[in-house]
Amino acid sequence: MLHLRGGTRKERMYDPKFEIRCDASPNGQLHVKSHALSVAISQPISANNEHESWQSVLIICEESPEGLHTTKVIICHPQWDQNLQIACIKSRTPGPQFPQGTFEIDLKTTHL
């Protein structure tokens, strides 16, 4: 979800907070900057003699209305009732309301 703080929407569109670089050689590459990102990584699994692709890792990047940038790393398993967040990274660039920038890494696991 994108929340706008100050400035016009057009001005904010040129100030992305997150960036992803993906190399899927030999099939291609991706380099994108955006205000929010969601990445799902799938891999093949076999269940009941059937093969399917399962989203095993999710990465979600969001900016809060207060300007806090959060990246969550979530792992998934087909036999689990809940997904498991294994990392939460928070950052904030210095500004008038927050003269000190922050960068925090929380590796506490959380069931979602």
N, C-alpha and C. Protein backbone atom coordinates (compact mmCIF):
# COMPACT_ATOMS: atom_id res chain seq x y z
N MET A 1 0.84 -1.16 0.00
CA MET A 1 0.00 0.00 0.00
C MET A 1 0.89 1.24 0.00
N LEU A 2 0.64 2.17 -0.85
CA LEU A 2 1.42 3.39 -0.97
C LEU A 2 0.72 4.49 -0.22
N HIS A 3 1.43 5.13 0.66
CA HIS A 3 0.91 6.27 1.38
C HIS A 3 1.73 7.49 0.99
N LEU A 4 1.08 8.56 0.66
CA LEU A 4 1.78 9.76 0.24
C LEU A 4 1.91 10.71 1.41
N ARG A 5 3.12 11.26 1.57
CA ARG A 5 3.38 12.24 2.61
C ARG A 5 4.02 13.45 1.95
N GLY A 6 3.37 14.56 1.97
CA GLY A 6 3.96 15.77 1.42
C GLY A 6 4.20 15.66 -0.07
N GLY A 7 4.32 16.78 -0.73
CA GLY A 7 4.57 16.77 -2.17
C GLY A 7 3.38 16.24 -2.94
N THR A 8 3.47 16.35 -4.25
CA THR A 8 2.40 15.84 -5.09
C THR A 8 2.66 14.38 -5.43
N ARG A 9 1.64 13.71 -5.89
CA ARG A 9 1.79 12.30 -6.29
C ARG A 9 2.88 12.17 -7.37
N LYS A 10 2.90 13.12 -8.30
CA LYS A 10 3.89 13.07 -9.38
C LYS A 10 5.30 13.19 -8.82
N GLU A 11 5.51 14.10 -7.84
CA GLU A 11 6.83 14.24 -7.23
C GLU A 11 7.23 12.95 -6.52
N ARG A 12 6.31 12.30 -5.81
CA ARG A 12 6.61 11.09 -5.06
C ARG A 12 6.90 9.91 -5.98
N MET A 13 6.33 9.91 -7.18
CA MET A 13 6.54 8.80 -8.10
C MET A 13 8.02 8.72 -8.52
N TYR A 14 8.74 9.83 -8.44
CA TYR A 14 10.14 9.84 -8.83
C TYR A 14 11.07 9.64 -7.64
N ASP A 15 10.52 9.25 -6.50
CA ASP A 15 11.32 9.04 -5.30
C ASP A 15 11.05 7.64 -4.73
N PRO A 16 11.34 6.58 -5.49
CA PRO A 16 11.08 5.23 -5.00
C PRO A 16 11.98 4.88 -3.83
N LYS A 17 11.47 4.07 -2.91
CA LYS A 17 12.20 3.73 -1.69
C LYS A 17 12.84 2.35 -1.74
N PHE A 18 12.35 1.47 -2.58
CA PHE A 18 12.85 0.10 -2.63
C PHE A 18 13.39 -0.21 -4.02
N GLU A 19 14.34 -1.12 -4.07
CA GLU A 19 14.94 -1.50 -5.34
C GLU A 19 15.17 -3.01 -5.34
N ILE A 20 14.93 -3.64 -6.48
CA ILE A 20 15.19 -5.08 -6.63
C ILE A 20 16.01 -5.30 -7.89
N ARG A 21 16.97 -6.18 -7.76
CA ARG A 21 17.76 -6.63 -8.91
C ARG A 21 17.66 -8.15 -8.93
N CYS A 22 17.24 -8.69 -10.04
CA CYS A 22 17.06 -10.13 -10.16
C CYS A 22 17.76 -10.61 -11.41
N ASP A 23 18.56 -11.65 -11.26
CA ASP A 23 19.25 -12.26 -12.40
C ASP A 23 18.73 -13.68 -12.53
N ALA A 24 17.98 -13.94 -13.57
CA ALA A 24 17.41 -15.26 -13.83
C ALA A 24 18.05 -15.84 -15.10
N SER A 25 19.36 -15.73 -15.17
CA SER A 25 20.09 -16.19 -16.36
C SER A 25 19.83 -17.67 -16.62
N PRO A 26 19.69 -18.08 -17.81
CA PRO A 26 19.84 -17.31 -19.04
C PRO A 26 18.53 -16.69 -19.53
N ASN A 27 17.49 -16.69 -18.69
CA ASN A 27 16.17 -16.26 -19.15
C ASN A 27 15.93 -14.76 -19.07
N GLY A 28 16.74 -14.04 -18.32
CA GLY A 28 16.54 -12.60 -18.27
C GLY A 28 16.93 -12.00 -16.94
N GLN A 29 16.75 -10.69 -16.87
CA GLN A 29 17.08 -9.94 -15.68
C GLN A 29 15.97 -8.92 -15.41
N LEU A 30 15.93 -8.47 -14.17
CA LEU A 30 14.94 -7.47 -13.76
C LEU A 30 15.62 -6.50 -12.82
N HIS A 31 15.42 -5.21 -13.06
CA HIS A 31 15.91 -4.17 -12.16
C HIS A 31 14.81 -3.12 -12.08
N VAL A 32 14.23 -2.98 -10.87
CA VAL A 32 13.08 -2.08 -10.70
C VAL A 32 13.24 -1.31 -9.40
N LYS A 33 12.87 -0.04 -9.41
CA LYS A 33 12.75 0.78 -8.21
C LYS A 33 11.28 1.12 -8.05
N SER A 34 10.78 1.03 -6.79
CA SER A 34 9.35 1.26 -6.57
C SER A 34 9.11 1.70 -5.14
N HIS A 35 7.88 2.10 -4.86
CA HIS A 35 7.49 2.50 -3.51
C HIS A 35 7.14 1.30 -2.65
N ALA A 36 6.84 0.19 -3.27
CA ALA A 36 6.50 -1.05 -2.56
C ALA A 36 6.85 -2.22 -3.47
N LEU A 37 7.25 -3.33 -2.85
CA LEU A 37 7.61 -4.52 -3.62
C LEU A 37 7.01 -5.75 -2.97
N SER A 38 6.70 -6.72 -3.78
CA SER A 38 6.28 -8.03 -3.31
C SER A 38 6.90 -9.06 -4.24
N VAL A 39 7.70 -9.96 -3.68
CA VAL A 39 8.38 -10.97 -4.47
C VAL A 39 8.00 -12.34 -3.93
N ALA A 40 7.61 -13.25 -4.80
CA ALA A 40 7.32 -14.63 -4.42
C ALA A 40 8.27 -15.54 -5.19
N ILE A 41 8.97 -16.39 -4.46
CA ILE A 41 9.90 -17.33 -5.08
C ILE A 41 9.31 -18.73 -4.94
N SER A 42 9.11 -19.39 -6.06
CA SER A 42 8.50 -20.71 -6.07
C SER A 42 9.52 -21.76 -6.47
N GLN A 43 9.27 -22.97 -6.03
CA GLN A 43 10.11 -24.09 -6.43
C GLN A 43 9.24 -25.34 -6.52
N PRO A 44 9.69 -26.35 -7.27
CA PRO A 44 8.87 -27.54 -7.45
C PRO A 44 8.85 -28.41 -6.19
N ILE A 45 7.66 -28.95 -5.92
CA ILE A 45 7.50 -29.92 -4.84
C ILE A 45 6.68 -31.08 -5.37
N SER A 46 6.71 -32.19 -4.65
CA SER A 46 5.93 -33.36 -5.02
C SER A 46 5.05 -33.74 -3.84
N ALA A 47 3.76 -33.82 -4.08
CA ALA A 47 2.82 -34.22 -3.03
C ALA A 47 1.77 -35.14 -3.64
N ASN A 48 1.55 -36.28 -3.02
CA ASN A 48 0.56 -37.25 -3.51
C ASN A 48 0.80 -37.62 -4.97
N ASN A 49 2.07 -37.86 -5.30
CA ASN A 49 2.48 -38.23 -6.67
C ASN A 49 2.15 -37.17 -7.70
N GLU A 50 1.92 -35.94 -7.26
CA GLU A 50 1.68 -34.84 -8.18
C GLU A 50 2.78 -33.80 -7.98
N HIS A 51 3.21 -33.20 -9.07
CA HIS A 51 4.22 -32.17 -9.00
C HIS A 51 3.56 -30.81 -9.16
N GLU A 52 3.98 -29.88 -8.32
CA GLU A 52 3.44 -28.54 -8.41
C GLU A 52 4.51 -27.53 -8.01
N SER A 53 4.25 -26.28 -8.28
CA SER A 53 5.16 -25.22 -7.90
C SER A 53 4.62 -24.57 -6.64
N TRP A 54 5.49 -24.44 -5.62
CA TRP A 54 5.06 -23.92 -4.33
C TRP A 54 5.82 -22.63 -4.02
N GLN A 55 5.10 -21.60 -3.59
CA GLN A 55 5.75 -20.36 -3.18
C GLN A 55 6.40 -20.59 -1.83
N SER A 56 7.71 -20.72 -1.82
CA SER A 56 8.42 -21.07 -0.58
C SER A 56 8.97 -19.85 0.15
N VAL A 57 9.24 -18.76 -0.57
CA VAL A 57 9.77 -17.55 0.06
C VAL A 57 9.00 -16.34 -0.45
N LEU A 58 8.57 -15.48 0.47
CA LEU A 58 7.91 -14.23 0.13
C LEU A 58 8.74 -13.09 0.71
N ILE A 59 8.90 -12.03 -0.05
CA ILE A 59 9.58 -10.83 0.43
C ILE A 59 8.63 -9.67 0.17
N ILE A 60 8.30 -8.95 1.24
CA ILE A 60 7.33 -7.86 1.15
C ILE A 60 7.98 -6.58 1.65
N CYS A 61 7.97 -5.54 0.84
CA CYS A 61 8.56 -4.25 1.19
C CYS A 61 7.47 -3.18 1.15
N GLU A 62 7.37 -2.41 2.24
CA GLU A 62 6.32 -1.39 2.34
C GLU A 62 6.86 -0.16 3.04
N GLU A 63 6.22 0.97 2.77
CA GLU A 63 6.51 2.20 3.48
C GLU A 63 5.28 2.58 4.29
N SER A 64 5.45 2.84 5.59
CA SER A 64 4.32 3.22 6.44
C SER A 64 4.00 4.70 6.24
N PRO A 65 2.82 5.13 6.69
CA PRO A 65 2.47 6.56 6.57
C PRO A 65 3.47 7.46 7.31
N GLU A 66 4.15 6.92 8.33
CA GLU A 66 5.12 7.70 9.09
C GLU A 66 6.50 7.72 8.44
N GLY A 67 6.67 7.04 7.30
CA GLY A 67 7.93 7.04 6.59
C GLY A 67 8.89 5.92 6.98
N LEU A 68 8.41 4.94 7.71
CA LEU A 68 9.24 3.79 8.09
C LEU A 68 9.21 2.77 6.96
N HIS A 69 10.38 2.34 6.51
CA HIS A 69 10.49 1.37 5.42
C HIS A 69 10.72 -0.01 6.01
N THR A 70 9.87 -0.96 5.65
CA THR A 70 9.92 -2.29 6.24
C THR A 70 10.03 -3.35 5.15
N THR A 71 10.96 -4.29 5.36
CA THR A 71 11.10 -5.45 4.48
C THR A 71 10.93 -6.69 5.34
N LYS A 72 9.99 -7.55 4.96
CA LYS A 72 9.72 -8.79 5.69
C LYS A 72 10.10 -9.97 4.81
N VAL A 73 10.77 -10.96 5.40
CA VAL A 73 11.12 -12.19 4.71
C VAL A 73 10.31 -13.31 5.34
N ILE A 74 9.51 -13.98 4.53
CA ILE A 74 8.57 -14.99 5.02
C ILE A 74 8.82 -16.30 4.30
N ILE A 75 8.85 -17.39 5.05
CA ILE A 75 8.98 -18.71 4.42
C ILE A 75 7.67 -19.46 4.58
N CYS A 76 7.39 -20.32 3.60
CA CYS A 76 6.13 -21.05 3.55
C CYS A 76 6.41 -22.54 3.33
N HIS A 77 5.56 -23.37 3.87
CA HIS A 77 5.69 -24.82 3.70
C HIS A 77 4.29 -25.38 3.52
N PRO A 78 4.10 -26.29 2.58
CA PRO A 78 2.74 -26.79 2.32
C PRO A 78 2.12 -27.54 3.49
N GLN A 79 2.92 -28.02 4.43
CA GLN A 79 2.38 -28.75 5.57
C GLN A 79 2.18 -27.88 6.81
N TRP A 80 2.53 -26.60 6.72
CA TRP A 80 2.36 -25.69 7.85
C TRP A 80 1.00 -25.02 7.79
N ASP A 81 0.41 -24.79 8.95
CA ASP A 81 -0.85 -24.05 9.01
C ASP A 81 -0.62 -22.55 8.84
N GLN A 82 0.57 -22.08 9.25
CA GLN A 82 0.89 -20.65 9.17
C GLN A 82 2.25 -20.47 8.53
N ASN A 83 2.41 -19.35 7.83
CA ASN A 83 3.72 -18.99 7.30
C ASN A 83 4.60 -18.51 8.44
N LEU A 84 5.91 -18.44 8.21
CA LEU A 84 6.85 -18.06 9.25
C LEU A 84 7.69 -16.88 8.77
N GLN A 85 7.56 -15.75 9.46
CA GLN A 85 8.41 -14.60 9.16
C GLN A 85 9.74 -14.83 9.85
N ILE A 86 10.83 -14.79 9.07
CA ILE A 86 12.16 -15.07 9.65
C ILE A 86 13.01 -13.82 9.78
N ALA A 87 12.60 -12.73 9.18
CA ALA A 87 13.34 -11.48 9.31
C ALA A 87 12.43 -10.30 9.04
N CYS A 88 12.69 -9.22 9.77
CA CYS A 88 11.99 -7.95 9.55
C CYS A 88 13.05 -6.85 9.64
N ILE A 89 13.23 -6.14 8.54
CA ILE A 89 14.25 -5.09 8.47
C ILE A 89 13.53 -3.76 8.34
N LYS A 90 13.86 -2.82 9.25
CA LYS A 90 13.22 -1.51 9.25
C LYS A 90 14.27 -0.43 9.11
N SER A 91 13.94 0.60 8.32
CA SER A 91 14.85 1.73 8.16
C SER A 91 14.05 3.01 7.98
N ARG A 92 14.73 4.10 8.32
CA ARG A 92 14.14 5.43 8.12
C ARG A 92 15.30 6.38 7.82
N THR A 93 15.14 7.17 6.78
CA THR A 93 16.16 8.15 6.46
C THR A 93 15.96 9.38 7.35
N PRO A 94 17.04 10.09 7.66
CA PRO A 94 16.90 11.29 8.50
C PRO A 94 16.01 12.33 7.83
N GLY A 95 15.29 13.08 8.65
CA GLY A 95 14.43 14.14 8.15
C GLY A 95 14.10 15.09 9.28
N PRO A 96 13.25 16.08 9.02
CA PRO A 96 12.93 17.08 10.04
C PRO A 96 12.35 16.47 11.33
N GLN A 97 11.46 15.49 11.20
CA GLN A 97 10.83 14.88 12.37
C GLN A 97 11.73 13.83 13.03
N PHE A 98 12.62 13.24 12.26
CA PHE A 98 13.52 12.19 12.76
C PHE A 98 14.95 12.52 12.32
N PRO A 99 15.65 13.35 13.11
CA PRO A 99 16.99 13.76 12.69
C PRO A 99 17.98 12.61 12.59
N GLN A 100 17.75 11.55 13.34
CA GLN A 100 18.61 10.38 13.27
C GLN A 100 17.95 9.31 12.40
N GLY A 101 18.63 8.83 11.39
CA GLY A 101 18.12 7.72 10.60
C GLY A 101 18.18 6.45 11.43
N THR A 102 17.41 5.47 11.06
CA THR A 102 17.42 4.19 11.79
C THR A 102 17.62 3.05 10.81
N PHE A 103 18.19 1.97 11.34
CA PHE A 103 18.31 0.72 10.59
C PHE A 103 18.30 -0.40 11.61
N GLU A 104 17.24 -1.22 11.59
CA GLU A 104 17.07 -2.29 12.56
C GLU A 104 16.82 -3.61 11.84
N ILE A 105 17.42 -4.68 12.35
CA ILE A 105 17.18 -6.02 11.82
C ILE A 105 16.67 -6.88 12.96
N ASP A 106 15.47 -7.45 12.79
CA ASP A 106 14.86 -8.32 13.79
C ASP A 106 14.80 -9.73 13.20
N LEU A 107 15.53 -10.66 13.80
CA LEU A 107 15.56 -12.04 13.31
C LEU A 107 14.69 -12.97 14.16
N LYS A 108 13.82 -12.39 14.97
CA LYS A 108 12.89 -13.19 15.76
C LYS A 108 11.83 -13.79 14.83
N THR A 109 11.60 -15.08 14.93
CA THR A 109 10.60 -15.72 14.07
C THR A 109 9.21 -15.44 14.60
N THR A 110 8.29 -15.23 13.65
CA THR A 110 6.91 -14.90 13.98
C THR A 110 5.99 -15.68 13.06
N HIS A 111 5.01 -16.40 13.63
CA HIS A 111 4.02 -17.10 12.80
C HIS A 111 3.00 -16.08 12.32
N LEU A 112 2.66 -16.16 11.05
CA LEU A 112 1.69 -15.23 10.45
C LEU A 112 0.42 -15.94 10.07
